[in-house]
């Protein structure tokens, strides 16, 4: 087991990883890192407190996506689902967005681009970044992928 796997053993960050993630999230939120490194802010499904998570955003076919390298059990995934996808992305500024889950049959190309962009994720995703698309299709059901889109605007209330 390498260090990156140890930090997230069992699909959850250990104490060291939580401290590192908090620092990384603060840096990404300030916008001093490359623009594909973002901080996701999502309300905790139990506490309601805002949870900040550093993530790598990838663009495929002109659409932005977030991927869970730790799979279904990642807290941010469960929190985002509980929030109906309504989250905030930060990179120098706050952007209120809505995450919509991408069906597994449409995830392979996004996952491949994600592994090319996010070298730290390679310790958690058991396929080479240059593997054929079929290898990514095999993993797709286990790795949640979300399209980042605008929040629905609410029209005026009753007159």
N, C-alpha and C. Protein backbone atom coordinates (compact mmCIF):
# COMPACT_ATOMS: atom_id res chain seq x y z
N UNK A 1 0.85 -1.18 0.00
CA UNK A 1 0.00 0.00 0.00
C UNK A 1 0.89 1.24 0.00
N UNK A 2 0.62 2.16 -0.93
CA UNK A 2 1.43 3.38 -0.95
C UNK A 2 0.78 4.45 -0.07
N UNK A 3 1.46 5.57 0.06
CA UNK A 3 1.00 6.64 0.95
C UNK A 3 -0.39 7.14 0.57
N UNK A 4 -0.64 7.35 -0.71
CA UNK A 4 -1.94 7.87 -1.15
C UNK A 4 -3.07 6.90 -0.81
N UNK A 5 -2.80 5.60 -0.92
CA UNK A 5 -3.81 4.62 -0.55
C UNK A 5 -4.01 4.60 0.96
N UNK A 6 -2.93 4.74 1.72
CA UNK A 6 -3.01 4.74 3.18
C UNK A 6 -3.84 5.93 3.67
N UNK A 7 -3.68 7.09 3.04
CA UNK A 7 -4.42 8.28 3.45
C UNK A 7 -5.93 8.10 3.32
N UNK A 8 -6.36 7.26 2.37
CA UNK A 8 -7.79 7.07 2.11
C UNK A 8 -8.19 5.60 2.20
N UNK A 9 -7.56 4.87 3.09
CA UNK A 9 -7.85 3.45 3.24
C UNK A 9 -9.32 3.26 3.59
N UNK A 10 -9.93 2.29 2.93
CA UNK A 10 -11.35 2.02 3.17
C UNK A 10 -12.27 3.03 2.52
N UNK A 11 -11.73 3.85 1.62
CA UNK A 11 -12.56 4.83 0.92
C UNK A 11 -12.88 6.07 1.73
N UNK A 12 -12.20 6.25 2.85
CA UNK A 12 -12.45 7.41 3.71
C UNK A 12 -11.12 8.03 4.10
N UNK A 13 -11.05 9.36 4.19
CA UNK A 13 -9.79 9.99 4.59
C UNK A 13 -9.50 9.73 6.07
N UNK A 14 -8.22 9.43 6.36
CA UNK A 14 -7.84 9.30 7.77
C UNK A 14 -7.57 10.70 8.32
N UNK A 15 -7.14 10.81 9.57
CA UNK A 15 -6.92 12.11 10.20
C UNK A 15 -5.92 12.98 9.46
N UNK A 16 -4.83 12.37 9.00
CA UNK A 16 -3.82 13.12 8.26
C UNK A 16 -4.41 13.66 6.95
N UNK A 17 -5.16 12.81 6.25
CA UNK A 17 -5.76 13.23 4.99
C UNK A 17 -6.77 14.35 5.20
N UNK A 18 -7.53 14.29 6.30
CA UNK A 18 -8.50 15.35 6.57
C UNK A 18 -7.81 16.70 6.76
N UNK A 19 -6.69 16.70 7.49
CA UNK A 19 -5.95 17.95 7.69
C UNK A 19 -5.40 18.46 6.36
N UNK A 20 -4.80 17.56 5.58
CA UNK A 20 -4.26 17.95 4.28
C UNK A 20 -5.37 18.46 3.35
N UNK A 21 -6.51 17.78 3.37
CA UNK A 21 -7.63 18.19 2.51
C UNK A 21 -8.14 19.58 2.88
N UNK A 22 -8.20 19.88 4.18
CA UNK A 22 -8.65 21.21 4.60
C UNK A 22 -7.71 22.29 4.06
N UNK A 23 -6.40 22.05 4.17
CA UNK A 23 -5.43 23.02 3.65
C UNK A 23 -5.52 23.16 2.14
N UNK A 24 -5.64 22.02 1.46
CA UNK A 24 -5.74 22.04 0.01
C UNK A 24 -7.02 22.75 -0.44
N UNK A 25 -8.12 22.48 0.23
CA UNK A 25 -9.39 23.13 -0.11
C UNK A 25 -9.28 24.64 0.03
N UNK A 26 -8.58 25.11 1.07
CA UNK A 26 -8.41 26.55 1.27
C UNK A 26 -7.61 27.17 0.13
N UNK A 27 -6.56 26.48 -0.31
CA UNK A 27 -5.74 26.99 -1.42
C UNK A 27 -6.55 27.02 -2.71
N UNK A 28 -7.24 25.93 -3.03
CA UNK A 28 -8.03 25.87 -4.26
C UNK A 28 -9.11 26.94 -4.26
N UNK A 29 -9.76 27.15 -3.10
CA UNK A 29 -10.85 28.13 -3.01
C UNK A 29 -10.35 29.53 -3.30
N UNK A 30 -9.13 29.83 -2.92
CA UNK A 30 -8.57 31.17 -3.15
C UNK A 30 -8.27 31.43 -4.62
N UNK A 31 -8.20 30.37 -5.41
CA UNK A 31 -7.96 30.54 -6.83
C UNK A 31 -6.50 30.67 -7.21
N UNK A 32 -5.58 30.28 -6.31
CA UNK A 32 -4.16 30.41 -6.64
C UNK A 32 -3.61 29.18 -7.34
N UNK A 33 -4.40 28.11 -7.41
CA UNK A 33 -4.00 26.89 -8.11
C UNK A 33 -4.56 26.95 -9.54
N UNK A 34 -4.16 26.02 -10.41
CA UNK A 34 -4.75 25.99 -11.75
C UNK A 34 -6.28 25.92 -11.67
N UNK A 35 -6.97 26.42 -12.70
CA UNK A 35 -8.42 26.57 -12.63
C UNK A 35 -9.20 25.27 -12.57
N UNK A 36 -8.58 24.14 -12.86
CA UNK A 36 -9.28 22.86 -12.77
C UNK A 36 -9.25 22.29 -11.35
N UNK A 37 -8.52 22.93 -10.44
CA UNK A 37 -8.48 22.53 -9.04
C UNK A 37 -9.46 23.42 -8.28
N UNK A 38 -10.53 22.82 -7.79
CA UNK A 38 -11.62 23.58 -7.18
C UNK A 38 -11.91 23.06 -5.78
N UNK A 39 -12.65 23.86 -5.05
CA UNK A 39 -13.17 23.43 -3.75
C UNK A 39 -14.68 23.31 -3.88
N UNK A 40 -15.18 22.16 -3.50
CA UNK A 40 -16.62 21.93 -3.46
C UNK A 40 -17.10 22.23 -2.06
N UNK A 41 -18.11 23.05 -1.95
CA UNK A 41 -18.75 23.32 -0.66
C UNK A 41 -20.15 22.73 -0.71
N UNK A 42 -20.43 21.86 0.26
CA UNK A 42 -21.71 21.16 0.28
C UNK A 42 -22.18 21.07 1.73
N UNK A 43 -23.49 21.23 1.96
CA UNK A 43 -23.97 21.08 3.34
C UNK A 43 -23.88 19.63 3.79
N UNK A 44 -23.40 19.43 5.01
CA UNK A 44 -23.35 18.08 5.57
C UNK A 44 -24.75 17.53 5.71
N UNK A 45 -24.97 16.30 5.35
CA UNK A 45 -26.32 15.73 5.35
C UNK A 45 -26.86 15.54 6.76
N UNK A 46 -26.00 15.45 7.75
CA UNK A 46 -26.45 15.30 9.13
C UNK A 46 -26.34 16.61 9.91
N UNK A 47 -25.18 17.26 9.78
CA UNK A 47 -24.92 18.46 10.58
C UNK A 47 -25.47 19.74 9.96
N UNK A 48 -25.58 19.75 8.63
CA UNK A 48 -25.99 20.97 7.95
C UNK A 48 -24.86 21.97 7.78
N UNK A 49 -23.71 21.71 8.44
CA UNK A 49 -22.55 22.60 8.31
C UNK A 49 -21.93 22.43 6.92
N UNK A 50 -21.37 23.50 6.42
CA UNK A 50 -20.71 23.45 5.12
C UNK A 50 -19.43 22.64 5.22
N UNK A 51 -19.30 21.67 4.33
CA UNK A 51 -18.11 20.83 4.23
C UNK A 51 -17.38 21.25 2.96
N UNK A 52 -16.07 21.49 3.06
CA UNK A 52 -15.25 21.89 1.91
C UNK A 52 -14.33 20.76 1.52
N UNK A 53 -14.33 20.42 0.23
CA UNK A 53 -13.55 19.29 -0.28
C UNK A 53 -12.79 19.74 -1.52
N UNK A 54 -11.46 19.48 -1.56
CA UNK A 54 -10.71 19.81 -2.78
C UNK A 54 -10.96 18.73 -3.84
N UNK A 55 -11.26 19.17 -5.07
CA UNK A 55 -11.54 18.24 -6.16
C UNK A 55 -10.88 18.71 -7.45
N UNK A 56 -10.79 17.79 -8.38
CA UNK A 56 -10.28 18.08 -9.72
C UNK A 56 -11.47 18.09 -10.66
N UNK A 57 -11.65 19.19 -11.39
CA UNK A 57 -12.73 19.30 -12.36
C UNK A 57 -12.17 19.01 -13.75
N UNK A 58 -12.92 18.24 -14.52
CA UNK A 58 -12.50 17.98 -15.90
C UNK A 58 -13.58 18.46 -16.86
N UNK A 59 -13.14 18.85 -18.03
CA UNK A 59 -14.07 19.30 -19.06
C UNK A 59 -14.01 18.29 -20.20
N UNK A 60 -15.17 17.75 -20.54
CA UNK A 60 -15.30 16.81 -21.65
C UNK A 60 -16.49 17.27 -22.48
N UNK A 61 -16.26 17.43 -23.77
CA UNK A 61 -17.31 17.89 -24.69
C UNK A 61 -17.93 19.21 -24.22
N UNK A 62 -17.09 20.09 -23.69
CA UNK A 62 -17.55 21.41 -23.28
C UNK A 62 -18.32 21.44 -21.97
N UNK A 63 -18.45 20.30 -21.29
CA UNK A 63 -19.16 20.27 -20.02
C UNK A 63 -18.21 19.95 -18.89
N UNK A 64 -18.43 20.61 -17.75
CA UNK A 64 -17.59 20.39 -16.57
C UNK A 64 -18.12 19.20 -15.76
N UNK A 65 -17.15 18.44 -15.18
CA UNK A 65 -17.52 17.25 -14.41
C UNK A 65 -16.66 17.13 -13.16
N UNK A 66 -17.25 16.53 -12.12
CA UNK A 66 -16.55 16.14 -10.91
C UNK A 66 -16.68 14.64 -10.76
N UNK A 67 -15.58 14.01 -10.30
CA UNK A 67 -15.52 12.55 -10.17
C UNK A 67 -15.13 12.21 -8.74
N UNK A 68 -15.72 11.15 -8.22
CA UNK A 68 -15.34 10.65 -6.90
C UNK A 68 -14.33 9.53 -7.05
N UNK A 69 -13.06 9.85 -6.77
CA UNK A 69 -12.01 8.82 -6.88
C UNK A 69 -12.20 7.72 -5.84
N UNK A 70 -12.95 8.02 -4.76
CA UNK A 70 -13.16 7.05 -3.69
C UNK A 70 -14.47 6.29 -3.86
N UNK A 71 -15.19 6.54 -4.93
CA UNK A 71 -16.41 5.79 -5.21
C UNK A 71 -17.63 6.30 -4.48
N UNK A 72 -18.60 5.41 -4.36
CA UNK A 72 -19.91 5.74 -3.80
C UNK A 72 -19.87 6.16 -2.34
N UNK A 73 -18.89 5.68 -1.59
CA UNK A 73 -18.88 5.92 -0.14
C UNK A 73 -18.30 7.28 0.25
N UNK A 74 -17.81 8.03 -0.69
CA UNK A 74 -17.23 9.34 -0.36
C UNK A 74 -18.31 10.24 0.24
N UNK A 75 -17.98 10.88 1.34
CA UNK A 75 -18.95 11.75 2.01
C UNK A 75 -19.47 12.85 1.11
N UNK A 76 -18.60 13.45 0.30
CA UNK A 76 -19.07 14.55 -0.53
C UNK A 76 -20.14 14.08 -1.51
N UNK A 77 -20.03 12.84 -1.98
CA UNK A 77 -21.03 12.29 -2.91
C UNK A 77 -22.37 12.16 -2.19
N UNK A 78 -22.34 11.58 -1.00
CA UNK A 78 -23.59 11.38 -0.25
C UNK A 78 -24.19 12.73 0.17
N UNK A 79 -23.33 13.68 0.55
CA UNK A 79 -23.83 15.01 0.92
C UNK A 79 -24.44 15.72 -0.28
N UNK A 80 -23.78 15.64 -1.44
CA UNK A 80 -24.30 16.31 -2.64
C UNK A 80 -25.64 15.72 -3.06
N UNK A 81 -25.76 14.40 -2.96
CA UNK A 81 -27.05 13.77 -3.30
C UNK A 81 -28.13 14.22 -2.32
N UNK A 82 -27.79 14.27 -1.03
CA UNK A 82 -28.77 14.70 -0.01
C UNK A 82 -29.20 16.15 -0.23
N UNK A 83 -28.30 16.96 -0.80
CA UNK A 83 -28.60 18.38 -1.05
C UNK A 83 -29.29 18.58 -2.40
N UNK A 84 -29.68 17.48 -3.04
CA UNK A 84 -30.33 17.60 -4.34
C UNK A 84 -29.40 18.14 -5.41
N UNK A 85 -28.09 18.01 -5.19
CA UNK A 85 -27.10 18.48 -6.15
C UNK A 85 -26.77 19.96 -6.03
N UNK A 86 -27.44 20.68 -5.16
CA UNK A 86 -27.20 22.12 -5.02
C UNK A 86 -26.00 22.36 -4.11
N UNK A 87 -24.90 22.75 -4.74
CA UNK A 87 -23.62 22.94 -4.05
C UNK A 87 -22.98 24.24 -4.54
N UNK A 88 -21.82 24.54 -3.98
CA UNK A 88 -21.05 25.70 -4.42
C UNK A 88 -19.66 25.23 -4.83
N UNK A 89 -19.18 25.77 -5.94
CA UNK A 89 -17.82 25.51 -6.40
C UNK A 89 -17.04 26.80 -6.16
N UNK A 90 -15.84 26.65 -5.62
CA UNK A 90 -15.00 27.84 -5.39
C UNK A 90 -13.66 27.68 -6.09
N UNK A 91 -13.29 28.73 -6.75
CA UNK A 91 -11.95 28.89 -7.33
C UNK A 91 -11.76 30.39 -7.54
N UNK A 92 -11.41 31.08 -6.47
CA UNK A 92 -11.27 32.52 -6.53
C UNK A 92 -12.59 33.24 -6.33
N UNK A 93 -13.67 32.63 -6.72
CA UNK A 93 -15.00 33.18 -6.52
C UNK A 93 -15.94 32.02 -6.23
N UNK A 94 -17.10 32.35 -5.69
CA UNK A 94 -18.11 31.33 -5.41
C UNK A 94 -19.05 31.22 -6.60
N UNK A 95 -19.37 30.00 -6.97
CA UNK A 95 -20.33 29.76 -8.04
C UNK A 95 -21.33 28.72 -7.55
N UNK A 96 -22.58 29.13 -7.41
CA UNK A 96 -23.63 28.19 -7.02
C UNK A 96 -24.00 27.37 -8.24
N UNK A 97 -23.91 26.04 -8.08
CA UNK A 97 -24.14 25.14 -9.21
C UNK A 97 -25.05 24.00 -8.78
N UNK A 98 -25.44 23.22 -9.76
CA UNK A 98 -26.22 22.02 -9.51
C UNK A 98 -25.47 20.83 -10.12
N UNK A 99 -25.24 19.81 -9.33
CA UNK A 99 -24.59 18.59 -9.81
C UNK A 99 -25.66 17.61 -10.25
N UNK A 100 -25.50 17.08 -11.44
CA UNK A 100 -26.40 16.05 -11.96
C UNK A 100 -25.58 14.81 -12.27
N UNK A 101 -26.00 13.68 -11.74
CA UNK A 101 -25.24 12.46 -11.92
C UNK A 101 -25.27 12.00 -13.37
N UNK A 102 -24.10 11.61 -13.87
CA UNK A 102 -23.97 11.09 -15.22
C UNK A 102 -24.23 9.58 -15.16
N UNK A 103 -25.08 9.05 -16.05
CA UNK A 103 -25.33 7.61 -16.03
C UNK A 103 -24.05 6.82 -16.31
N UNK A 104 -23.90 5.63 -15.71
CA UNK A 104 -22.67 4.85 -15.88
C UNK A 104 -22.26 4.63 -17.33
N UNK A 105 -23.21 4.46 -18.22
CA UNK A 105 -22.87 4.18 -19.62
C UNK A 105 -22.28 5.40 -20.33
N UNK A 106 -22.31 6.57 -19.70
CA UNK A 106 -21.73 7.78 -20.30
C UNK A 106 -20.51 8.29 -19.54
N UNK A 107 -19.96 7.49 -18.62
CA UNK A 107 -18.87 7.94 -17.76
C UNK A 107 -17.46 7.64 -18.28
N UNK A 108 -17.28 6.67 -19.14
CA UNK A 108 -15.95 6.17 -19.49
C UNK A 108 -15.00 7.27 -19.98
N UNK A 109 -15.40 8.07 -20.93
CA UNK A 109 -14.52 9.12 -21.47
C UNK A 109 -14.19 10.16 -20.41
N UNK A 110 -15.16 10.44 -19.54
CA UNK A 110 -14.93 11.41 -18.46
C UNK A 110 -13.93 10.85 -17.47
N UNK A 111 -14.07 9.57 -17.13
CA UNK A 111 -13.13 8.94 -16.19
C UNK A 111 -11.71 8.91 -16.75
N UNK A 112 -11.58 8.64 -18.04
CA UNK A 112 -10.25 8.63 -18.64
C UNK A 112 -9.61 10.02 -18.57
N UNK A 113 -10.38 11.05 -18.90
CA UNK A 113 -9.86 12.41 -18.84
C UNK A 113 -9.52 12.79 -17.39
N UNK A 114 -10.36 12.34 -16.46
CA UNK A 114 -10.12 12.61 -15.05
C UNK A 114 -8.77 12.02 -14.60
N UNK A 115 -8.50 10.78 -14.95
CA UNK A 115 -7.23 10.17 -14.55
C UNK A 115 -6.04 10.85 -15.20
N UNK A 116 -6.21 11.37 -16.38
CA UNK A 116 -5.12 12.11 -17.02
C UNK A 116 -4.86 13.43 -16.31
N UNK A 117 -5.91 14.04 -15.78
CA UNK A 117 -5.81 15.36 -15.14
C UNK A 117 -5.46 15.26 -13.65
N UNK A 118 -5.84 14.14 -13.01
CA UNK A 118 -5.71 14.00 -11.55
C UNK A 118 -4.75 12.86 -11.19
N UNK A 119 -3.45 13.10 -11.23
CA UNK A 119 -2.50 12.02 -10.97
C UNK A 119 -2.65 11.38 -9.58
N UNK A 120 -3.09 12.13 -8.57
CA UNK A 120 -3.26 11.55 -7.24
C UNK A 120 -4.38 10.52 -7.20
N UNK A 121 -5.32 10.61 -8.10
CA UNK A 121 -6.44 9.67 -8.13
C UNK A 121 -6.01 8.30 -8.64
N UNK A 122 -4.90 8.24 -9.33
CA UNK A 122 -4.46 6.97 -9.92
C UNK A 122 -4.21 5.88 -8.89
N UNK A 123 -3.89 6.27 -7.66
CA UNK A 123 -3.67 5.27 -6.60
C UNK A 123 -4.98 4.60 -6.19
N UNK A 124 -6.11 5.21 -6.51
CA UNK A 124 -7.41 4.71 -6.07
C UNK A 124 -8.25 4.11 -7.19
N UNK A 125 -7.88 4.37 -8.43
CA UNK A 125 -8.64 3.87 -9.57
C UNK A 125 -7.77 2.83 -10.29
N UNK A 126 -8.20 1.58 -10.26
CA UNK A 126 -7.35 0.48 -10.75
C UNK A 126 -7.30 0.31 -12.26
N UNK A 127 -6.95 1.37 -12.97
CA UNK A 127 -6.78 1.29 -14.41
C UNK A 127 -5.76 2.35 -14.81
N UNK A 128 -4.99 2.06 -15.85
CA UNK A 128 -3.99 3.01 -16.33
C UNK A 128 -4.69 4.16 -17.05
N UNK A 129 -4.13 5.36 -16.90
CA UNK A 129 -4.74 6.54 -17.52
C UNK A 129 -4.83 6.44 -19.04
N UNK A 130 -4.01 5.60 -19.65
CA UNK A 130 -4.03 5.45 -21.11
C UNK A 130 -4.68 4.14 -21.55
N UNK A 131 -5.39 3.47 -20.65
CA UNK A 131 -6.05 2.20 -20.98
C UNK A 131 -7.15 2.43 -22.00
N UNK A 132 -7.54 1.38 -22.71
CA UNK A 132 -8.65 1.51 -23.66
C UNK A 132 -9.94 1.90 -22.93
N UNK A 133 -10.82 2.55 -23.64
CA UNK A 133 -12.08 3.02 -23.07
C UNK A 133 -12.87 1.88 -22.41
N UNK A 134 -12.76 0.69 -22.94
CA UNK A 134 -13.48 -0.47 -22.37
C UNK A 134 -13.11 -0.70 -20.91
N UNK A 135 -11.87 -0.43 -20.54
CA UNK A 135 -11.45 -0.59 -19.14
C UNK A 135 -12.17 0.41 -18.25
N UNK A 136 -12.35 1.62 -18.74
CA UNK A 136 -13.06 2.64 -17.97
C UNK A 136 -14.55 2.32 -17.89
N UNK A 137 -15.09 1.72 -18.96
CA UNK A 137 -16.50 1.32 -18.95
C UNK A 137 -16.75 0.28 -17.86
N UNK A 138 -15.79 -0.60 -17.64
CA UNK A 138 -15.90 -1.64 -16.61
C UNK A 138 -15.98 -1.02 -15.22
N UNK A 139 -15.24 0.07 -14.98
CA UNK A 139 -15.20 0.72 -13.67
C UNK A 139 -16.33 1.73 -13.45
N UNK A 140 -16.95 2.18 -14.52
CA UNK A 140 -17.90 3.29 -14.47
C UNK A 140 -19.02 3.15 -13.43
N UNK A 141 -19.61 1.98 -13.25
CA UNK A 141 -20.69 1.89 -12.25
C UNK A 141 -20.24 2.17 -10.82
N UNK A 142 -18.95 2.02 -10.53
CA UNK A 142 -18.44 2.18 -9.17
C UNK A 142 -17.88 3.56 -8.86
N UNK A 143 -17.75 4.42 -9.88
CA UNK A 143 -17.15 5.74 -9.69
C UNK A 143 -18.15 6.83 -10.09
N UNK A 144 -18.80 7.45 -9.11
CA UNK A 144 -19.78 8.49 -9.44
C UNK A 144 -19.15 9.66 -10.20
N UNK A 145 -19.86 10.13 -11.19
CA UNK A 145 -19.46 11.27 -12.00
C UNK A 145 -20.65 12.22 -12.04
N UNK A 146 -20.37 13.51 -11.84
CA UNK A 146 -21.43 14.52 -11.83
C UNK A 146 -21.11 15.60 -12.85
N UNK A 147 -22.12 15.98 -13.62
CA UNK A 147 -22.00 17.13 -14.52
C UNK A 147 -22.30 18.37 -13.69
N UNK A 148 -21.48 19.39 -13.86
CA UNK A 148 -21.64 20.65 -13.14
C UNK A 148 -22.41 21.60 -14.05
N UNK A 149 -23.57 22.02 -13.58
CA UNK A 149 -24.39 22.93 -14.36
C UNK A 149 -24.93 24.05 -13.51
N UNK A 150 -25.63 24.97 -14.14
CA UNK A 150 -26.20 26.09 -13.39
C UNK A 150 -27.34 25.62 -12.50
N UNK A 151 -27.52 26.33 -11.41
CA UNK A 151 -28.69 26.06 -10.57
C UNK A 151 -29.92 26.57 -11.29
N UNK A 152 -30.99 25.87 -11.09
CA UNK A 152 -32.26 26.30 -11.68
C UNK A 152 -32.66 27.61 -11.02
N UNK A 153 -33.02 28.56 -11.82
CA UNK A 153 -33.48 29.82 -11.24
C UNK A 153 -34.96 29.70 -10.95
N UNK A 154 -35.32 30.22 -9.84
CA UNK A 154 -36.73 30.16 -9.45
C UNK A 154 -37.42 31.41 -9.99
N UNK A 155 -38.53 31.17 -10.56
CA UNK A 155 -39.31 32.29 -11.09
C UNK A 155 -39.94 33.07 -9.95
N UNK A 156 -40.62 34.15 -10.28
CA UNK A 156 -41.26 34.94 -9.24
C UNK A 156 -42.33 34.11 -8.55
N UNK A 157 -42.53 34.38 -7.29
CA UNK A 157 -43.54 33.68 -6.51
C UNK A 157 -44.94 34.08 -6.92
N UNK A 158 -45.92 33.57 -6.22
CA UNK A 158 -47.31 33.92 -6.56
C UNK A 158 -47.54 35.42 -6.42
N UNK A 159 -48.36 35.91 -7.30
CA UNK A 159 -48.65 37.35 -7.30
C UNK A 159 -49.66 37.73 -6.25
